[in-house]
Amino acid sequence: MLIAKLSSLRDEWDVIAWEKTALDLAERACITVPGRRTYPVPVCDVVIHNTDDHLRNHGFLRADGGWAPSPVFDINPNPDIGVRRELAIGVGIDPADEILALREVAPSFGVDRLVAEEILNEVFDATRSWRECAGINGLPARELRLMEDAFAPRFSLR
């Protein structure tokens, strides 16, 4: 996948390689699978602590028979888990409430409770391999330590 993104000299980490890592993890979580895309996106945003979620990062493509969600793009893990944020898709902003909010919003995406739990587990399972994925993308050990909090298990699915 090619990424059109500009980094800045002020960046504390390799934003392009971290976005590629986040996109690889999203693919491992089946977020790019047609028909299952919309609900897993906010789940992935919460799990990797994406703080770059706004309406310009959600698109649709015209296909035979109508419109379909575009593949995910511009998802960026942020290691500062204390950053208060709002997800454009409408999931909670308080980290303590995010999993509950994801469960409550699932029906709005046409996802029942059992499928929502399956998707939550798939995304959690896929993101457990973040270190391996980041290594494949050439990220150095210093940045792995820097990003650890973005991927650390902060939630319980219970």
Protein backbone atom coordinates (compact mmCIF):
# COMPACT_ATOMS: atom_id res chain seq x y z
CA MET A 1 0.00 0.00 0.00
CA LEU A 2 1.23 3.48 -0.80
CA ILE A 3 0.74 6.23 1.74
CA ALA A 4 0.45 9.89 0.78
CA LYS A 5 1.54 11.69 3.90
CA LEU A 6 4.06 14.35 4.79
CA SER A 7 6.15 14.06 7.89
CA SER A 8 7.49 17.03 9.80
CA LEU A 9 10.88 17.69 11.33
CA ARG A 10 9.00 18.22 14.62
CA ASP A 11 7.60 14.67 14.61
CA GLU A 12 8.80 12.60 17.55
CA TRP A 13 8.34 9.36 15.64
CA ASP A 14 8.19 8.09 12.07
CA VAL A 15 4.55 8.95 11.36
CA ILE A 16 4.59 7.31 7.95
CA ALA A 17 5.90 3.96 9.20
CA TRP A 18 3.50 4.03 12.16
CA GLU A 19 0.55 4.71 9.86
CA LYS A 20 1.66 1.80 7.67
CA THR A 21 1.82 -0.36 10.81
CA ALA A 22 -1.70 0.73 11.83
CA LEU A 23 -3.02 -0.01 8.33
CA ASP A 24 -1.36 -3.45 8.37
CA LEU A 25 -3.00 -4.19 11.73
CA ALA A 26 -6.37 -3.01 10.41
CA GLU A 27 -5.99 -5.41 7.50
CA ARG A 28 -5.13 -8.25 9.90
CA ALA A 29 -8.35 -7.41 11.77
CA CYS A 30 -10.35 -7.84 8.52
CA ILE A 31 -11.32 -4.17 8.46
CA THR A 32 -10.72 -4.04 4.72
CA VAL A 33 -13.19 -6.88 4.08
CA PRO A 34 -16.26 -5.48 2.30
CA GLY A 35 -19.42 -5.61 4.38
CA ARG A 36 -17.52 -5.70 7.67
CA ARG A 37 -15.73 -2.40 7.41
CA THR A 38 -17.75 0.27 9.16
CA TYR A 39 -18.02 -1.03 12.74
CA PRO A 40 -14.43 -2.30 13.06
CA VAL A 41 -13.05 1.17 12.24
CA PRO A 42 -14.00 2.82 15.56
CA VAL A 43 -12.96 -0.37 17.35
CA CYS A 44 -9.50 -0.10 15.78
CA ASP A 45 -9.40 3.64 16.53
CA VAL A 46 -9.99 2.92 20.22
CA VAL A 47 -7.62 -0.04 20.47
CA ILE A 48 -4.63 1.73 18.86
CA HIS A 49 -5.54 5.13 20.31
CA ASN A 50 -5.98 6.85 16.95
CA THR A 51 -6.25 10.57 17.59
CA ASP A 52 -6.59 11.54 13.92
CA ASP A 53 -10.20 10.53 13.39
CA HIS A 54 -12.26 13.16 11.60
CA LEU A 55 -14.87 13.05 8.87
CA ARG A 56 -12.32 13.63 6.07
CA ASN A 57 -10.78 10.28 7.07
CA HIS A 58 -13.91 8.34 6.14
CA GLY A 59 -14.72 7.87 2.48
CA PHE A 60 -16.90 5.98 0.07
CA LEU A 61 -16.21 4.64 -3.39
CA ARG A 62 -18.73 4.31 -6.18
CA ALA A 63 -19.01 0.68 -7.23
CA ASP A 64 -21.43 -1.41 -9.25
CA GLY A 65 -24.72 -1.32 -7.43
CA GLY A 66 -24.00 1.73 -5.30
CA TRP A 67 -21.60 3.19 -2.81
CA ALA A 68 -19.22 1.20 -0.62
CA PRO A 69 -16.96 2.27 2.23
CA SER A 70 -13.41 2.98 1.09
CA PRO A 71 -10.47 1.08 2.52
CA VAL A 72 -9.23 2.59 5.79
CA PHE A 73 -6.68 5.37 5.58
CA ASP A 74 -4.98 7.97 7.77
CA ILE A 75 -5.12 6.08 11.05
CA ASN A 76 -2.38 7.11 13.45
CA PRO A 77 -1.56 5.54 16.80
CA ASN A 78 -0.73 8.05 19.52
CA PRO A 79 1.24 7.00 22.61
CA ASP A 80 -0.22 9.77 24.79
CA ILE A 81 -3.27 7.89 26.05
CA GLY A 82 -4.18 10.81 28.29
CA VAL A 83 -5.16 12.88 25.25
CA ARG A 84 -8.89 13.51 25.33
CA ARG A 85 -10.41 12.82 21.94
CA GLU A 86 -13.62 12.36 20.06
CA LEU A 87 -14.05 9.84 17.32
CA ALA A 88 -15.83 11.21 14.26
CA ILE A 89 -17.98 8.09 14.09
CA GLY A 90 -19.42 8.86 17.50
CA VAL A 91 -17.85 6.64 20.13
CA GLY A 92 -17.04 7.72 23.71
CA ILE A 93 -14.23 10.11 24.57
CA ASP A 94 -13.38 8.86 28.06
CA PRO A 95 -10.95 5.92 27.82
CA ALA A 96 -12.73 4.17 30.70
CA ASP A 97 -16.00 4.22 28.75
CA GLU A 98 -14.79 3.42 25.25
CA ILE A 99 -15.44 -0.34 25.18
CA LEU A 100 -18.93 0.15 26.64
CA ALA A 101 -19.55 2.90 24.07
CA LEU A 102 -18.39 0.60 21.27
CA ARG A 103 -20.85 -2.05 22.41
CA GLU A 104 -23.69 0.47 22.69
CA VAL A 105 -23.10 1.98 19.25
CA ALA A 106 -22.83 -1.38 17.42
CA PRO A 107 -26.54 -1.53 16.45
CA SER A 108 -26.14 1.85 14.71
CA PHE A 109 -23.72 0.07 12.38
CA GLY A 110 -26.14 -2.81 11.79
CA VAL A 111 -24.10 -5.10 14.05
CA ASP A 112 -25.77 -7.25 16.71
CA ARG A 113 -24.23 -7.97 20.11
CA LEU A 114 -22.65 -11.30 19.16
CA VAL A 115 -21.05 -9.95 15.98
CA ALA A 116 -19.85 -6.85 17.89
CA GLU A 117 -18.06 -9.10 20.41
CA GLU A 118 -16.56 -11.13 17.59
CA ILE A 119 -15.25 -7.95 15.93
CA LEU A 120 -13.90 -6.59 19.23
CA ASN A 121 -12.00 -9.85 19.77
CA GLU A 122 -10.70 -9.91 16.17
CA VAL A 123 -9.34 -6.37 16.43
CA PHE A 124 -7.80 -7.01 19.86
CA ASP A 125 -6.20 -10.23 18.56
CA ALA A 126 -4.85 -8.55 15.42
CA THR A 127 -3.31 -5.64 17.31
CA ARG A 128 -1.48 -7.95 19.71
CA SER A 129 1.05 -8.43 16.91
CA TRP A 130 1.86 -4.71 16.75
CA ARG A 131 5.55 -5.19 17.61
CA GLU A 132 6.04 -7.75 14.84
CA CYS A 133 4.18 -5.55 12.37
CA ALA A 134 6.18 -2.45 13.38
CA GLY A 135 9.41 -4.43 13.01
CA ILE A 136 8.45 -5.49 9.50
CA ASN A 137 7.96 -1.80 8.73
CA GLY A 138 11.49 -1.03 9.95
CA LEU A 139 10.65 0.87 13.11
CA PRO A 140 13.53 1.09 15.59
CA ALA A 141 13.43 -0.20 19.19
CA ARG A 142 13.37 3.38 20.52
CA GLU A 143 10.09 4.04 18.73
CA LEU A 144 8.64 0.71 19.85
CA ARG A 145 9.22 1.80 23.44
CA LEU A 146 7.74 5.23 22.67
CA MET A 147 4.55 3.73 21.19
CA GLU A 148 4.08 1.01 23.79
CA ASP A 149 1.26 2.82 25.61
CA ALA A 150 -0.73 3.21 22.38
CA PHE A 151 -0.89 -0.57 22.03
CA ALA A 152 -0.73 -1.68 25.67
CA PRO A 153 -3.80 -3.56 26.85
CA ARG A 154 -5.81 -0.81 28.56
CA PHE A 155 -9.14 -2.54 28.34
CA SER A 156 -10.88 -5.65 29.42
CA LEU A 157 -13.47 -7.10 27.09
CA ARG A 158 -15.35 -8.55 30.06
